[in-house]
């Protein structure tokens, strides 16, 4: 009688557990494409009016006429609700034909700021 044995790959582990997670898998929250008006208030400078490219429970990618420096602290105003939240620029902006793509994250959790329903996290 032959013994039945499970054949295991030579490495002894599953390949899926060894790969680096994708950017989508590393995200803390789902992103939603949403074009919404925002006003960015910067201490000591004129406010900038722009709009969102994508939003999440933790922040947004916003499009502004002028770039903002990485680390800059700002106050975002949702022009639809007139609610505000403090945020900071997390990376240098990307310049596009529409303006500067500026990634910001909220300094405090504000899941209701955008007044939209977000899909559940897939992680």
PDB file of N, CA and C in Angstrom:
ATOM      1  N   UNK A   1       0.841  -1.159   0.000  1.00  0.00           N
ATOM      2  CA  UNK A   1       0.000   0.000   0.000  1.00  0.00           C
ATOM      3  C   UNK A   1       0.896   1.234   0.000  1.00  0.00           C
ATOM      4  N   UNK A   2       0.564   2.204  -0.827  1.00  0.00           N
ATOM      5  CA  UNK A   2       1.332   3.430  -0.941  1.00  0.00           C
ATOM      6  C   UNK A   2       0.827   4.466   0.046  1.00  0.00           C
ATOM      7  N   UNK A   3       1.784   5.216   0.651  1.00  0.00           N
ATOM      8  CA  UNK A   3       1.402   6.319   1.539  1.00  0.00           C
ATOM      9  C   UNK A   3       1.082   7.529   0.682  1.00  0.00           C
ATOM     10  N   UNK A   4      -0.013   8.181   0.996  1.00  0.00           N
ATOM     11  CA  UNK A   4      -0.362   9.407   0.283  1.00  0.00           C
ATOM     12  C   UNK A   4       0.279  10.578   1.035  1.00  0.00           C
ATOM     13  N   UNK A   5       1.044  11.384   0.309  1.00  0.00           N
ATOM     14  CA  UNK A   5       1.716  12.533   0.901  1.00  0.00           C
ATOM     15  C   UNK A   5       1.366  13.785   0.103  1.00  0.00           C
ATOM     16  N   UNK A   6       1.291  14.868   0.799  1.00  0.00           N
ATOM     17  CA  UNK A   6       1.052  16.154   0.144  1.00  0.00           C
ATOM     18  C   UNK A   6       2.391  16.681  -0.333  1.00  0.00           C
ATOM     19  N   UNK A   7       2.451  17.078  -1.577  1.00  0.00           N
ATOM     20  CA  UNK A   7       3.685  17.614  -2.135  1.00  0.00           C
ATOM     21  C   UNK A   7       3.735  19.103  -1.831  1.00  0.00           C
ATOM     22  N   UNK A   8       4.832  19.558  -1.230  1.00  0.00           N
ATOM     23  CA  UNK A   8       5.029  20.957  -0.884  1.00  0.00           C
ATOM     24  C   UNK A   8       6.119  21.508  -1.783  1.00  0.00           C
ATOM     25  N   UNK A   9       5.969  22.741  -2.203  1.00  0.00           N
ATOM     26  CA  UNK A   9       6.982  23.379  -3.047  1.00  0.00           C
ATOM     27  C   UNK A   9       8.328  23.338  -2.339  1.00  0.00           C
ATOM     28  N   UNK A  10       9.400  23.338  -3.119  1.00  0.00           N
ATOM     29  CA  UNK A  10      10.745  23.229  -2.565  1.00  0.00           C
ATOM     30  C   UNK A  10      11.054  24.322  -1.546  1.00  0.00           C
ATOM     31  N   UNK A  11      10.473  25.489  -1.704  1.00  0.00           N
ATOM     32  CA  UNK A  11      10.754  26.579  -0.764  1.00  0.00           C
ATOM     33  C   UNK A  11      10.064  26.353   0.574  1.00  0.00           C
ATOM     34  N   UNK A  12       9.032  25.530   0.588  1.00  0.00           N
ATOM     35  CA  UNK A  12       8.336  25.239   1.832  1.00  0.00           C
ATOM     36  C   UNK A  12       7.323  26.284   2.236  1.00  0.00           C
ATOM     37  N   UNK A  13       7.135  27.312   1.425  1.00  0.00           N
ATOM     38  CA  UNK A  13       6.139  28.334   1.759  1.00  0.00           C
ATOM     39  C   UNK A  13       5.361  28.728   0.517  1.00  0.00           C
ATOM     40  N   UNK A  14       4.287  29.405   0.735  1.00  0.00           N
ATOM     41  CA  UNK A  14       3.441  29.828  -0.378  1.00  0.00           C
ATOM     42  C   UNK A  14       3.986  31.122  -0.970  1.00  0.00           C
ATOM     43  N   UNK A  15       4.120  31.226  -2.284  1.00  0.00           N
ATOM     44  CA  UNK A  15       4.688  32.410  -2.910  1.00  0.00           C
ATOM     45  C   UNK A  15       3.910  33.691  -2.611  1.00  0.00           C
ATOM     46  N   UNK A  16       2.598  33.601  -2.466  1.00  0.00           N
ATOM     47  CA  UNK A  16       1.793  34.804  -2.253  1.00  0.00           C
ATOM     48  C   UNK A  16       2.119  35.495  -0.933  1.00  0.00           C
ATOM     49  N   UNK A  17       2.630  34.756   0.029  1.00  0.00           N
ATOM     50  CA  UNK A  17       2.926  35.371   1.313  1.00  0.00           C
ATOM     51  C   UNK A  17       4.290  36.055   1.325  1.00  0.00           C
ATOM     52  N   UNK A  18       5.091  35.840   0.297  1.00  0.00           N
ATOM     53  CA  UNK A  18       6.429  36.411   0.258  1.00  0.00           C
ATOM     54  C   UNK A  18       6.517  37.696  -0.557  1.00  0.00           C
ATOM     55  N   UNK A  19       5.521  37.991  -1.371  1.00  0.00           N
ATOM     56  CA  UNK A  19       5.597  39.177  -2.207  1.00  0.00           C
ATOM     57  C   UNK A  19       5.273  40.434  -1.396  1.00  0.00           C
ATOM     58  N   UNK A  20       5.775  41.561  -1.877  1.00  0.00           N
ATOM     59  CA  UNK A  20       5.482  42.842  -1.244  1.00  0.00           C
ATOM     60  C   UNK A  20       4.041  43.243  -1.572  1.00  0.00           C
ATOM     61  N   UNK A  21       3.325  43.840  -0.623  1.00  0.00           N
ATOM     62  CA  UNK A  21       1.951  44.266  -0.923  1.00  0.00           C
ATOM     63  C   UNK A  21       1.950  45.394  -1.952  1.00  0.00           C
ATOM     64  N   UNK A  22       0.907  45.424  -2.759  1.00  0.00           N
ATOM     65  CA  UNK A  22       0.764  46.483  -3.756  1.00  0.00           C
ATOM     66  C   UNK A  22       0.371  47.781  -3.064  1.00  0.00           C
ATOM     67  N   UNK A  23       0.466  48.885  -3.786  1.00  0.00           N
ATOM     68  CA  UNK A  23       0.080  50.186  -3.223  1.00  0.00           C
ATOM     69  C   UNK A  23      -1.372  50.150  -2.767  1.00  0.00           C
ATOM     70  N   UNK A  24      -2.228  49.521  -3.550  1.00  0.00           N
ATOM     71  CA  UNK A  24      -3.647  49.424  -3.188  1.00  0.00           C
ATOM     72  C   UNK A  24      -3.832  48.642  -1.890  1.00  0.00           C
ATOM     73  N   UNK A  25      -3.053  47.588  -1.694  1.00  0.00           N
ATOM     74  CA  UNK A  25      -3.150  46.783  -0.475  1.00  0.00           C
ATOM     75  C   UNK A  25      -2.593  47.514   0.750  1.00  0.00           C
ATOM     76  N   UNK A  26      -1.657  48.453   0.540  1.00  0.00           N
ATOM     77  CA  UNK A  26      -1.069  49.202   1.657  1.00  0.00           C
ATOM     78  C   UNK A  26      -1.946  50.353   2.109  1.00  0.00           C
ATOM     79  N   UNK A  27      -2.896  50.771   1.312  1.00  0.00           N
ATOM     80  CA  UNK A  27      -3.725  51.923   1.652  1.00  0.00           C
ATOM     81  C   UNK A  27      -4.487  51.685   2.947  1.00  0.00           C
ATOM     82  N   UNK A  28      -4.579  52.749   3.750  1.00  0.00           N
ATOM     83  CA  UNK A  28      -5.343  52.667   4.998  1.00  0.00           C
ATOM     84  C   UNK A  28      -6.834  52.721   4.734  1.00  0.00           C
ATOM     85  N   UNK A  29      -7.233  53.355   3.632  1.00  0.00           N
ATOM     86  CA  UNK A  29      -8.653  53.514   3.317  1.00  0.00           C
ATOM     87  C   UNK A  29      -8.835  53.508   1.801  1.00  0.00           C
ATOM     88  N   UNK A  30     -10.019  53.109   1.379  1.00  0.00           N
ATOM     89  CA  UNK A  30     -10.340  53.097  -0.043  1.00  0.00           C
ATOM     90  C   UNK A  30     -10.411  54.522  -0.568  1.00  0.00           C
ATOM     91  N   UNK A  31      -9.987  54.707  -1.803  1.00  0.00           N
ATOM     92  CA  UNK A  31     -10.079  55.998  -2.466  1.00  0.00           C
ATOM     93  C   UNK A  31     -11.283  55.989  -3.392  1.00  0.00           C
ATOM     94  N   UNK A  32     -11.902  57.152  -3.514  1.00  0.00           N
ATOM     95  CA  UNK A  32     -13.056  57.310  -4.382  1.00  0.00           C
ATOM     96  C   UNK A  32     -12.791  58.504  -5.288  1.00  0.00           C
ATOM     97  N   UNK A  33     -12.989  58.314  -6.598  1.00  0.00           N
ATOM     98  CA  UNK A  33     -12.839  59.442  -7.523  1.00  0.00           C
ATOM     99  C   UNK A  33     -14.039  60.353  -7.325  1.00  0.00           C
ATOM    100  N   UNK A  34     -13.749  61.617  -7.018  1.00  0.00           N
ATOM    101  CA  UNK A  34     -14.817  62.569  -6.734  1.00  0.00           C
ATOM    102  C   UNK A  34     -14.310  63.975  -7.023  1.00  0.00           C
ATOM    103  N   UNK A  35     -15.014  64.688  -7.847  1.00  0.00           N
ATOM    104  CA  UNK A  35     -14.649  66.075  -8.154  1.00  0.00           C
ATOM    105  C   UNK A  35     -15.543  66.982  -7.312  1.00  0.00           C
ATOM    106  N   UNK A  36     -14.939  67.576  -6.297  1.00  0.00           N
ATOM    107  CA  UNK A  36     -15.670  68.420  -5.356  1.00  0.00           C
ATOM    108  C   UNK A  36     -14.850  69.678  -5.093  1.00  0.00           C
ATOM    109  N   UNK A  37     -15.512  70.801  -5.016  1.00  0.00           N
ATOM    110  CA  UNK A  37     -14.819  72.059  -4.757  1.00  0.00           C
ATOM    111  C   UNK A  37     -14.230  72.119  -3.352  1.00  0.00           C
ATOM    112  N   UNK A  38     -13.013  72.655  -3.262  1.00  0.00           N
ATOM    113  CA  UNK A  38     -12.353  72.854  -1.968  1.00  0.00           C
ATOM    114  C   UNK A  38     -11.679  74.223  -1.971  1.00  0.00           C
ATOM    115  N   UNK A  39     -11.562  74.758  -0.782  1.00  0.00           N
ATOM    116  CA  UNK A  39     -10.751  75.949  -0.586  1.00  0.00           C
ATOM    117  C   UNK A  39      -9.653  75.563   0.385  1.00  0.00           C
ATOM    118  N   UNK A  40      -8.418  75.890   0.026  1.00  0.00           N
ATOM    119  CA  UNK A  40      -7.276  75.563   0.867  1.00  0.00           C
ATOM    120  C   UNK A  40      -6.790  76.852   1.512  1.00  0.00           C
ATOM    121  N   UNK A  41      -6.847  76.875   2.842  1.00  0.00           N
ATOM    122  CA  UNK A  41      -6.403  78.035   3.604  1.00  0.00           C
ATOM    123  C   UNK A  41      -5.000  77.759   4.134  1.00  0.00           C
ATOM    124  N   UNK A  42      -4.078  78.677   3.858  1.00  0.00           N
ATOM    125  CA  UNK A  42      -2.682  78.535   4.265  1.00  0.00           C
ATOM    126  C   UNK A  42      -2.325  79.770   5.090  1.00  0.00           C
ATOM    127  N   UNK A  43      -1.807  79.559   6.285  1.00  0.00           N
ATOM    128  CA  UNK A  43      -1.469  80.682   7.168  1.00  0.00           C
ATOM    129  C   UNK A  43      -0.515  81.649   6.475  1.00  0.00           C
ATOM    130  N   UNK A  44      -0.872  82.930   6.489  1.00  0.00           N
ATOM    131  CA  UNK A  44      -0.005  83.964   5.935  1.00  0.00           C
ATOM    132  C   UNK A  44      -0.015  84.074   4.426  1.00  0.00           C
ATOM    133  N   UNK A  45      -0.854  83.290   3.741  1.00  0.00           N
ATOM    134  CA  UNK A  45      -0.909  83.325   2.278  1.00  0.00           C
ATOM    135  C   UNK A  45      -2.368  83.398   1.834  1.00  0.00           C
ATOM    136  N   UNK A  46      -2.603  83.839   0.604  1.00  0.00           N
ATOM    137  CA  UNK A  46      -3.984  83.844   0.102  1.00  0.00           C
ATOM    138  C   UNK A  46      -4.511  82.418  -0.039  1.00  0.00           C
ATOM    139  N   UNK A  47      -5.812  82.248   0.178  1.00  0.00           N
ATOM    140  CA  UNK A  47      -6.450  80.938  -0.005  1.00  0.00           C
ATOM    141  C   UNK A  47      -6.437  80.563  -1.477  1.00  0.00           C
ATOM    142  N   UNK A  48      -6.430  79.262  -1.740  1.00  0.00           N
ATOM    143  CA  UNK A  48      -6.498  78.757  -3.110  1.00  0.00           C
ATOM    144  C   UNK A  48      -7.788  77.965  -3.272  1.00  0.00           C
ATOM    145  N   UNK A  49      -8.459  78.185  -4.385  1.00  0.00           N
ATOM    146  CA  UNK A  49      -9.658  77.422  -4.700  1.00  0.00           C
ATOM    147  C   UNK A  49      -9.269  76.331  -5.693  1.00  0.00           C
ATOM    148  N   UNK A  50      -9.725  75.127  -5.429  1.00  0.00           N
ATOM    149  CA  UNK A  50      -9.428  74.003  -6.303  1.00  0.00           C
ATOM    150  C   UNK A  50     -10.527  72.971  -6.199  1.00  0.00           C
ATOM    151  N   UNK A  51     -10.196  71.745  -6.555  1.00  0.00           N
ATOM    152  CA  UNK A  51     -11.165  70.668  -6.476  1.00  0.00           C
ATOM    153  C   UNK A  51     -10.434  69.357  -6.231  1.00  0.00           C
ATOM    154  N   UNK A  52     -11.190  68.373  -5.800  1.00  0.00           N
ATOM    155  CA  UNK A  52     -10.589  67.075  -5.501  1.00  0.00           C
ATOM    156  C   UNK A  52     -10.456  66.240  -6.765  1.00  0.00           C
ATOM    157  N   UNK A  53      -9.474  65.378  -6.746  1.00  0.00           N
ATOM    158  CA  UNK A  53      -9.293  64.362  -7.789  1.00  0.00           C
ATOM    159  C   UNK A  53      -9.796  63.039  -7.232  1.00  0.00           C
ATOM    160  N   UNK A  54      -9.288  62.651  -6.067  1.00  0.00           N
ATOM    161  CA  UNK A  54      -9.768  61.482  -5.331  1.00  0.00           C
ATOM    162  C   UNK A  54      -9.846  61.854  -3.854  1.00  0.00           C
ATOM    163  N   UNK A  55     -10.734  61.173  -3.138  1.00  0.00           N
ATOM    164  CA  UNK A  55     -10.874  61.421  -1.707  1.00  0.00           C
ATOM    165  C   UNK A  55     -10.861  60.088  -0.972  1.00  0.00           C
ATOM    166  N   UNK A  56     -10.509  60.143   0.312  1.00  0.00           N
ATOM    167  CA  UNK A  56     -10.580  58.971   1.188  1.00  0.00           C
ATOM    168  C   UNK A  56     -10.970  59.460   2.572  1.00  0.00           C
ATOM    169  N   UNK A  57     -11.135  58.543   3.484  1.00  0.00           N
ATOM    170  CA  UNK A  57     -11.473  58.898   4.851  1.00  0.00           C
ATOM    171  C   UNK A  57     -10.306  59.605   5.541  1.00  0.00           C
ATOM    172  N   UNK A  58      -9.106  59.493   4.976  1.00  0.00           N
ATOM    173  CA  UNK A  58      -7.905  60.061   5.593  1.00  0.00           C
ATOM    174  C   UNK A  58      -7.376  61.311   4.910  1.00  0.00           C
ATOM    175  N   UNK A  59      -7.949  61.699   3.768  1.00  0.00           N
ATOM    176  CA  UNK A  59      -7.421  62.854   3.059  1.00  0.00           C
ATOM    177  C   UNK A  59      -7.912  62.908   1.630  1.00  0.00           C
ATOM    178  N   UNK A  60      -7.038  63.421   0.744  1.00  0.00           N
ATOM    179  CA  UNK A  60      -7.443  63.575  -0.656  1.00  0.00           C
ATOM    180  C   UNK A  60      -6.245  63.890  -1.530  1.00  0.00           C
ATOM    181  N   UNK A  61      -6.466  63.769  -2.814  1.00  0.00           N
ATOM    182  CA  UNK A  61      -5.571  64.306  -3.835  1.00  0.00           C
ATOM    183  C   UNK A  61      -6.349  65.487  -4.402  1.00  0.00           C
ATOM    184  N   UNK A  62      -5.808  66.679  -4.237  1.00  0.00           N
ATOM    185  CA  UNK A  62      -6.517  67.865  -4.694  1.00  0.00           C
ATOM    186  C   UNK A  62      -5.755  68.534  -5.833  1.00  0.00           C
ATOM    187  N   UNK A  63      -6.489  69.224  -6.675  1.00  0.00           N
ATOM    188  CA  UNK A  63      -5.901  69.935  -7.804  1.00  0.00           C
ATOM    189  C   UNK A  63      -6.015  71.428  -7.513  1.00  0.00           C
ATOM    190  N   UNK A  64      -4.868  72.088  -7.479  1.00  0.00           N
ATOM    191  CA  UNK A  64      -4.788  73.510  -7.154  1.00  0.00           C
ATOM    192  C   UNK A  64      -4.046  74.253  -8.257  1.00  0.00           C
ATOM    193  N   UNK A  65      -4.287  75.556  -8.384  1.00  0.00           N
ATOM    194  CA  UNK A  65      -3.558  76.317  -9.407  1.00  0.00           C
ATOM    195  C   UNK A  65      -2.067  76.457  -9.094  1.00  0.00           C
ATOM    196  N   UNK A  66      -1.702  76.482  -7.805  1.00  0.00           N
ATOM    197  CA  UNK A  66      -0.302  76.632  -7.398  1.00  0.00           C
ATOM    198  C   UNK A  66       0.118  75.452  -6.530  1.00  0.00           C
ATOM    199  N   UNK A  67       1.353  74.967  -6.671  1.00  0.00           N
ATOM    200  CA  UNK A  67       1.804  73.842  -5.839  1.00  0.00           C
ATOM    201  C   UNK A  67       1.986  74.257  -4.379  1.00  0.00           C
ATOM    202  N   UNK A  68       1.918  73.280  -3.488  1.00  0.00           N
ATOM    203  CA  UNK A  68       2.199  73.476  -2.070  1.00  0.00           C
ATOM    204  C   UNK A  68       3.372  72.587  -1.694  1.00  0.00           C
ATOM    205  N   UNK A  69       4.219  73.066  -0.804  1.00  0.00           N
ATOM    206  CA  UNK A  69       5.410  72.313  -0.403  1.00  0.00           C
ATOM    207  C   UNK A  69       5.039  71.115   0.462  1.00  0.00           C
ATOM    208  N   UNK A  70       5.811  70.045   0.306  1.00  0.00           N
ATOM    209  CA  UNK A  70       5.646  68.873   1.164  1.00  0.00           C
ATOM    210  C   UNK A  70       5.793  69.302   2.619  1.00  0.00           C
ATOM    211  N   UNK A  71       4.903  68.834   3.467  1.00  0.00           N
ATOM    212  CA  UNK A  71       4.929  69.168   4.883  1.00  0.00           C
ATOM    213  C   UNK A  71       4.120  70.400   5.247  1.00  0.00           C
ATOM    214  N   UNK A  72       3.654  71.157   4.253  1.00  0.00           N
ATOM    215  CA  UNK A  72       2.872  72.360   4.535  1.00  0.00           C
ATOM    216  C   UNK A  72       1.589  71.998   5.273  1.00  0.00           C
ATOM    217  N   UNK A  73       1.294  72.759   6.322  1.00  0.00           N
ATOM    218  CA  UNK A  73       0.055  72.570   7.070  1.00  0.00           C
ATOM    219  C   UNK A  73      -0.998  73.511   6.480  1.00  0.00           C
ATOM    220  N   UNK A  74      -2.176  72.964   6.214  1.00  0.00           N
ATOM    221  CA  UNK A  74      -3.256  73.721   5.590  1.00  0.00           C
ATOM    222  C   UNK A  74      -4.570  73.412   6.302  1.00  0.00           C
ATOM    223  N   UNK A  75      -5.563  74.236   6.029  1.00  0.00           N
ATOM    224  CA  UNK A  75      -6.929  73.940   6.454  1.00  0.00           C
ATOM    225  C   UNK A  75      -7.755  73.788   5.191  1.00  0.00           C
ATOM    226  N   UNK A  76      -8.386  72.618   5.035  1.00  0.00           N
ATOM    227  CA  UNK A  76      -9.238  72.357   3.877  1.00  0.00           C
ATOM    228  C   UNK A  76     -10.662  72.745   4.219  1.00  0.00           C
ATOM    229  N   UNK A  77     -11.306  73.385   3.278  1.00  0.00           N
ATOM    230  CA  UNK A  77     -12.724  73.699   3.434  1.00  0.00           C
ATOM    231  C   UNK A  77     -13.499  72.990   2.336  1.00  0.00           C
ATOM    232  N   UNK A  78     -14.471  72.188   2.723  1.00  0.00           N
ATOM    233  CA  UNK A  78     -15.376  71.546   1.784  1.00  0.00           C
ATOM    234  C   UNK A  78     -16.385  72.630   1.389  1.00  0.00           C
ATOM    235  N   UNK A  79     -16.326  73.110   0.148  1.00  0.00           N
ATOM    236  CA  UNK A  79     -17.170  74.240  -0.240  1.00  0.00           C
ATOM    237  C   UNK A  79     -18.654  73.883  -0.271  1.00  0.00           C
ATOM    238  N   UNK A  80     -18.972  72.620  -0.360  1.00  0.00           N
ATOM    239  CA  UNK A  80     -20.382  72.207  -0.363  1.00  0.00           C
ATOM    240  C   UNK A  80     -20.974  72.292   1.041  1.00  0.00           C
ATOM    241  N   UNK A  81     -20.233  71.809   2.042  1.00  0.00           N
ATOM    242  CA  UNK A  81     -20.750  71.783   3.413  1.00  0.00           C
ATOM    243  C   UNK A  81     -20.199  72.922   4.271  1.00  0.00           C
ATOM    244  N   UNK A  82     -19.140  73.570   3.810  1.00  0.00           N
ATOM    245  CA  UNK A  82     -18.407  74.610   4.524  1.00  0.00           C
ATOM    246  C   UNK A  82     -17.732  74.088   5.798  1.00  0.00           C
ATOM    247  N   UNK A  83     -17.612  72.769   5.937  1.00  0.00           N
ATOM    248  CA  UNK A  83     -16.851  72.181   7.041  1.00  0.00           C
ATOM    249  C   UNK A  83     -15.368  72.336   6.745  1.00  0.00           C
ATOM    250  N   UNK A  84     -14.563  72.406   7.802  1.00  0.00           N
ATOM    251  CA  UNK A  84     -13.116  72.517   7.635  1.00  0.00           C
ATOM    252  C   UNK A  84     -12.417  71.421   8.418  1.00  0.00           C
ATOM    253  N   UNK A  85     -11.192  71.106   7.971  1.00  0.00           N
ATOM    254  CA  UNK A  85     -10.358  70.121   8.646  1.00  0.00           C
ATOM    255  C   UNK A  85      -8.901  70.514   8.419  1.00  0.00           C
ATOM    256  N   UNK A  86      -8.076  70.322   9.437  1.00  0.00           N
ATOM    257  CA  UNK A  86      -6.643  70.586   9.291  1.00  0.00           C
ATOM    258  C   UNK A  86      -5.986  69.399   8.606  1.00  0.00           C
ATOM    259  N   UNK A  87      -5.021  69.701   7.743  1.00  0.00           N
ATOM    260  CA  UNK A  87      -4.351  68.661   6.962  1.00  0.00           C
ATOM    261  C   UNK A  87      -2.908  69.086   6.709  1.00  0.00           C
ATOM    262  N   UNK A  88      -2.139  68.157   6.131  1.00  0.00           N
ATOM    263  CA  UNK A  88      -0.768  68.479   5.723  1.00  0.00           C
ATOM    264  C   UNK A  88      -0.497  67.827   4.380  1.00  0.00           C
ATOM    265  N   UNK A  89       0.398  68.449   3.632  1.00  0.00           N
ATOM    266  CA  UNK A  89       0.813  67.928   2.329  1.00  0.00           C
ATOM    267  C   UNK A  89       1.807  66.798   2.598  1.00  0.00           C
ATOM    268  N   UNK A  90       1.537  65.601   2.066  1.00  0.00           N
ATOM    269  CA  UNK A  90       2.358  64.432   2.408  1.00  0.00           C
ATOM    270  C   UNK A  90       3.485  64.127   1.425  1.00  0.00           C
ATOM    271  N   UNK A  91       3.399  64.630   0.206  1.00  0.00           N
ATOM    272  CA  UNK A  91       4.449  64.421  -0.795  1.00  0.00           C
ATOM    273  C   UNK A  91       4.527  65.646  -1.686  1.00  0.00           C
ATOM    274  N   UNK A  92       5.614  65.801  -2.409  1.00  0.00           N
ATOM    275  CA  UNK A  92       5.680  66.921  -3.355  1.00  0.00           C
ATOM    276  C   UNK A  92       4.568  66.794  -4.398  1.00  0.00           C
ATOM    277  N   UNK A  93       4.014  67.917  -4.844  1.00  0.00           N
ATOM    278  CA  UNK A  93       2.945  67.857  -5.843  1.00  0.00           C
ATOM    279  C   UNK A  93       3.472  67.447  -7.209  1.00  0.00           C
ATOM    280  N   UNK A  94       2.561  66.945  -8.024  1.00  0.00           N
ATOM    281  CA  UNK A  94       2.860  66.632  -9.420  1.00  0.00           C
ATOM    282  C   UNK A  94       2.209  67.723 -10.263  1.00  0.00           C
ATOM    283  N   UNK A  95       2.948  68.249 -11.211  1.00  0.00           N
ATOM    284  CA  UNK A  95       2.402  69.298 -12.074  1.00  0.00           C
ATOM    285  C   UNK A  95       1.755  68.629 -13.295  1.00  0.00           C
ATOM    286  N   UNK A  96       0.497  68.972 -13.551  1.00  0.00           N
ATOM    287  CA  UNK A  96      -0.237  68.425 -14.701  1.00  0.00           C
ATOM    288  C   UNK A  96      -0.824  69.581 -15.502  1.00  0.00           C
ATOM    289  N   UNK A  97      -1.461  69.260 -16.606  1.00  0.00           N
ATOM    290  CA  UNK A  97      -2.097  70.296 -17.427  1.00  0.00           C
ATOM    291  C   UNK A  97      -3.283  70.940 -16.699  1.00  0.00           C
ATOM    292  N   UNK A  98      -3.864  70.243 -15.729  1.00  0.00           N
ATOM    293  CA  UNK A  98      -4.994  70.784 -14.960  1.00  0.00           C
ATOM    294  C   UNK A  98      -4.542  71.663 -13.798  1.00  0.00           C
ATOM    295  N   UNK A  99      -3.295  71.506 -13.360  1.00  0.00           N
ATOM    296  CA  UNK A  99      -2.779  72.238 -12.209  1.00  0.00           C
ATOM    297  C   UNK A  99      -1.858  71.336 -11.407  1.00  0.00           C
ATOM    298  N   UNK A 100      -1.689  71.663 -10.144  1.00  0.00           N
ATOM    299  CA  UNK A 100      -0.823  70.867  -9.261  1.00  0.00           C
ATOM    300  C   UNK A 100      -1.644  69.828  -8.516  1.00  0.00           C
ATOM    301  N   UNK A 101      -1.249  68.565  -8.652  1.00  0.00           N
ATOM    302  CA  UNK A 101      -1.888  67.483  -7.886  1.00  0.00           C
ATOM    303  C   UNK A 101      -1.201  67.438  -6.520  1.00  0.00           C
ATOM    304  N   UNK A 102      -1.934  67.778  -5.480  1.00  0.00           N
ATOM    305  CA  UNK A 102      -1.378  67.905  -4.144  1.00  0.00           C
ATOM    306  C   UNK A 102      -1.994  66.851  -3.226  1.00  0.00           C
ATOM    307  N   UNK A 103      -1.195  65.895  -2.722  1.00  0.00           N
ATOM    308  CA  UNK A 103      -1.732  64.873  -1.810  1.00  0.00           C
ATOM    309  C   UNK A 103      -1.726  65.387  -0.365  1.00  0.00           C
ATOM    310  N   UNK A 104      -2.889  65.349   0.275  1.00  0.00           N
ATOM    311  CA  UNK A 104      -2.995  65.811   1.663  1.00  0.00           C
ATOM    312  C   UNK A 104      -3.613  64.718   2.529  1.00  0.00           C
ATOM    313  N   UNK A 105      -3.213  64.723   3.808  1.00  0.00           N
ATOM    314  CA  UNK A 105      -3.844  63.822   4.768  1.00  0.00           C
ATOM    315  C   UNK A 105      -4.339  64.642   5.948  1.00  0.00           C
ATOM    316  N   UNK A 106      -5.466  64.195   6.517  1.00  0.00           N
ATOM    317  CA  UNK A 106      -6.042  64.882   7.663  1.00  0.00           C
ATOM    318  C   UNK A 106      -5.148  64.684   8.875  1.00  0.00           C
ATOM    319  N   UNK A 107      -5.046  65.710   9.721  1.00  0.00           N
ATOM    320  CA  UNK A 107      -4.256  65.600  10.949  1.00  0.00           C
ATOM    321  C   UNK A 107      -5.010  64.833  12.031  1.00  0.00           C
ATOM    322  N   UNK A 108      -6.337  64.846  11.964  1.00  0.00           N
ATOM    323  CA  UNK A 108      -7.165  64.062  12.887  1.00  0.00           C
ATOM    324  C   UNK A 108      -8.182  63.282  12.053  1.00  0.00           C
ATOM    325  N   UNK A 109      -8.583  62.100  12.514  1.00  0.00           N
ATOM    326  CA  UNK A 109      -9.565  61.325  11.748  1.00  0.00           C
ATOM    327  C   UNK A 109     -10.830  62.143  11.475  1.00  0.00           C
ATOM    328  N   UNK A 110     -11.237  62.171  10.225  1.00  0.00           N
ATOM    329  CA  UNK A 110     -12.425  62.927   9.814  1.00  0.00           C
ATOM    330  C   UNK A 110     -13.186  62.161   8.741  1.00  0.00           C
ATOM    331  N   UNK A 111     -13.695  60.963   9.064  1.00  0.00           N
ATOM    332  CA  UNK A 111     -14.318  60.124   8.039  1.00  0.00           C
ATOM    333  C   UNK A 111     -15.576  60.718   7.404  1.00  0.00           C
ATOM    334  N   UNK A 112     -16.214  61.681   8.051  1.00  0.00           N
ATOM    335  CA  UNK A 112     -17.434  62.275   7.507  1.00  0.00           C
ATOM    336  C   UNK A 112     -17.194  63.579   6.739  1.00  0.00           C
ATOM    337  N   UNK A 113     -15.945  64.020   6.650  1.00  0.00           N
ATOM    338  CA  UNK A 113     -15.648  65.331   6.066  1.00  0.00           C
ATOM    339  C   UNK A 113     -16.173  65.484   4.640  1.00  0.00           C
ATOM    340  N   UNK A 114     -16.012  64.468   3.814  1.00  0.00           N
ATOM    341  CA  UNK A 114     -16.415  64.580   2.411  1.00  0.00           C
ATOM    342  C   UNK A 114     -17.900  64.370   2.211  1.00  0.00           C
ATOM    343  N   UNK A 115     -18.598  63.901   3.243  1.00  0.00           N
ATOM    344  CA  UNK A 115     -20.044  63.688   3.178  1.00  0.00           C
ATOM    345  C   UNK A 115     -20.414  62.669   2.091  1.00  0.00           C
ATOM    346  N   UNK A 116     -19.580  61.616   1.975  1.00  0.00           N
ATOM    347  CA  UNK A 116     -19.846  60.525   1.034  1.00  0.00           C
ATOM    348  C   UNK A 116     -19.682  59.196   1.759  1.00  0.00           C
ATOM    349  N   UNK A 117     -20.263  58.145   1.204  1.00  0.00           N
ATOM    350  CA  UNK A 117     -20.118  56.796   1.730  1.00  0.00           C
ATOM    351  C   UNK A 117     -18.927  56.136   1.051  1.00  0.00           C
ATOM    352  N   UNK A 118     -18.007  55.569   1.853  1.00  0.00           N
ATOM    353  CA  UNK A 118     -16.840  54.906   1.306  1.00  0.00           C
ATOM    354  C   UNK A 118     -17.059  53.400   1.320  1.00  0.00           C
ATOM    355  N   UNK A 119     -16.570  52.686   0.297  1.00  0.00           N
ATOM    356  CA  UNK A 119     -16.669  51.226   0.306  1.00  0.00           C
ATOM    357  C   UNK A 119     -15.833  50.657   1.446  1.00  0.00           C
ATOM    358  N   UNK A 120     -16.178  49.456   1.904  1.00  0.00           N
ATOM    359  CA  UNK A 120     -15.389  48.855   2.986  1.00  0.00           C
ATOM    360  C   UNK A 120     -13.966  48.558   2.546  1.00  0.00           C
ATOM    361  N   UNK A 121     -13.050  48.568   3.505  1.00  0.00           N
ATOM    362  CA  UNK A 121     -11.651  48.264   3.229  1.00  0.00           C
ATOM    363  C   UNK A 121     -11.528  46.810   2.794  1.00  0.00           C
ATOM    364  N   UNK A 122     -10.680  46.535   1.782  1.00  0.00           N
ATOM    365  CA  UNK A 122     -10.541  45.175   1.260  1.00  0.00           C
ATOM    366  C   UNK A 122      -9.458  44.375   1.953  1.00  0.00           C
ATOM    367  N   UNK A 123      -8.663  44.999   2.815  1.00  0.00           N
ATOM    368  CA  UNK A 123      -7.563  44.294   3.491  1.00  0.00           C
ATOM    369  C   UNK A 123      -8.076  43.426   4.584  1.00  0.00           C
TER     370      UNK A 123
END
